[in-house]
Amino acid sequence: FDPFFTTRQNGSGLGLTIVHRIINQHGGTIEVKSALGKGTQVDIFLPSVLK
């Protein structure tokens, strides 16, 4: 993810960068799939923890 990249006039571009860092800290992954004219799908995978 590119920090500070945004397509919004008032955006900071840090949203997905922060999310990506948090997910990595918890041993997870994030996948982004985008199709022009259809939209974007974001999948977040986190490891399960047994208590």
Protein backbone atom coordinates (compact mmCIF):
# COMPACT_ATOMS: atom_id res chain seq x y z
CA PHE A 1 0.00 0.00 0.00
CA ASP A 2 1.28 3.44 -0.86
CA PRO A 3 1.14 5.77 2.14
CA PHE A 4 -0.42 9.16 1.37
CA PHE A 5 -1.94 7.99 -1.95
CA THR A 6 -5.55 9.08 -2.20
CA THR A 7 -8.13 9.86 -4.86
CA ARG A 8 -10.18 11.99 -2.47
CA GLN A 9 -9.78 15.73 -2.14
CA ASN A 10 -9.61 15.68 1.67
CA GLY A 11 -8.15 12.19 2.15
CA SER A 12 -4.89 11.44 3.90
CA GLY A 13 -4.22 8.15 2.13
CA LEU A 14 -3.26 6.45 5.38
CA GLY A 15 -6.35 4.28 5.96
CA LEU A 16 -5.34 1.03 4.23
CA THR A 17 -1.70 1.53 5.18
CA ILE A 18 -2.66 1.57 8.87
CA VAL A 19 -5.02 -1.40 8.43
CA HIS A 20 -2.28 -3.35 6.62
CA ARG A 21 0.19 -2.73 9.46
CA ILE A 22 -2.30 -3.82 12.15
CA ILE A 23 -3.23 -7.00 10.26
CA ASN A 24 0.46 -7.88 9.80
CA GLN A 25 1.12 -7.35 13.51
CA HIS A 26 -1.55 -9.97 14.23
CA GLY A 27 -0.11 -12.50 11.77
CA GLY A 28 -2.75 -11.91 9.12
CA THR A 29 -2.86 -10.92 5.49
CA ILE A 30 -4.93 -8.59 3.35
CA GLU A 31 -5.79 -9.09 -0.32
CA VAL A 32 -7.25 -6.42 -2.59
CA LYS A 33 -8.89 -7.24 -5.92
CA SER A 34 -10.16 -4.48 -8.15
CA ALA A 35 -12.09 -4.65 -11.42
CA LEU A 36 -12.71 -1.55 -13.49
CA GLY A 37 -16.41 -0.75 -13.58
CA LYS A 38 -17.23 -3.44 -11.00
CA GLY A 39 -15.60 -2.31 -7.78
CA THR A 40 -13.03 -3.43 -5.26
CA GLN A 41 -13.02 -6.42 -2.93
CA VAL A 42 -10.87 -6.42 0.20
CA ASP A 43 -10.33 -9.75 1.98
CA ILE A 44 -8.77 -9.82 5.45
CA PHE A 45 -7.43 -13.08 6.86
CA LEU A 46 -6.52 -13.43 10.53
CA PRO A 47 -5.29 -16.59 12.23
CA SER A 48 -7.71 -18.22 14.63
CA VAL A 49 -6.75 -18.55 18.27
CA LEU A 50 -7.93 -21.36 20.51
CA LYS A 51 -8.54 -20.48 24.15
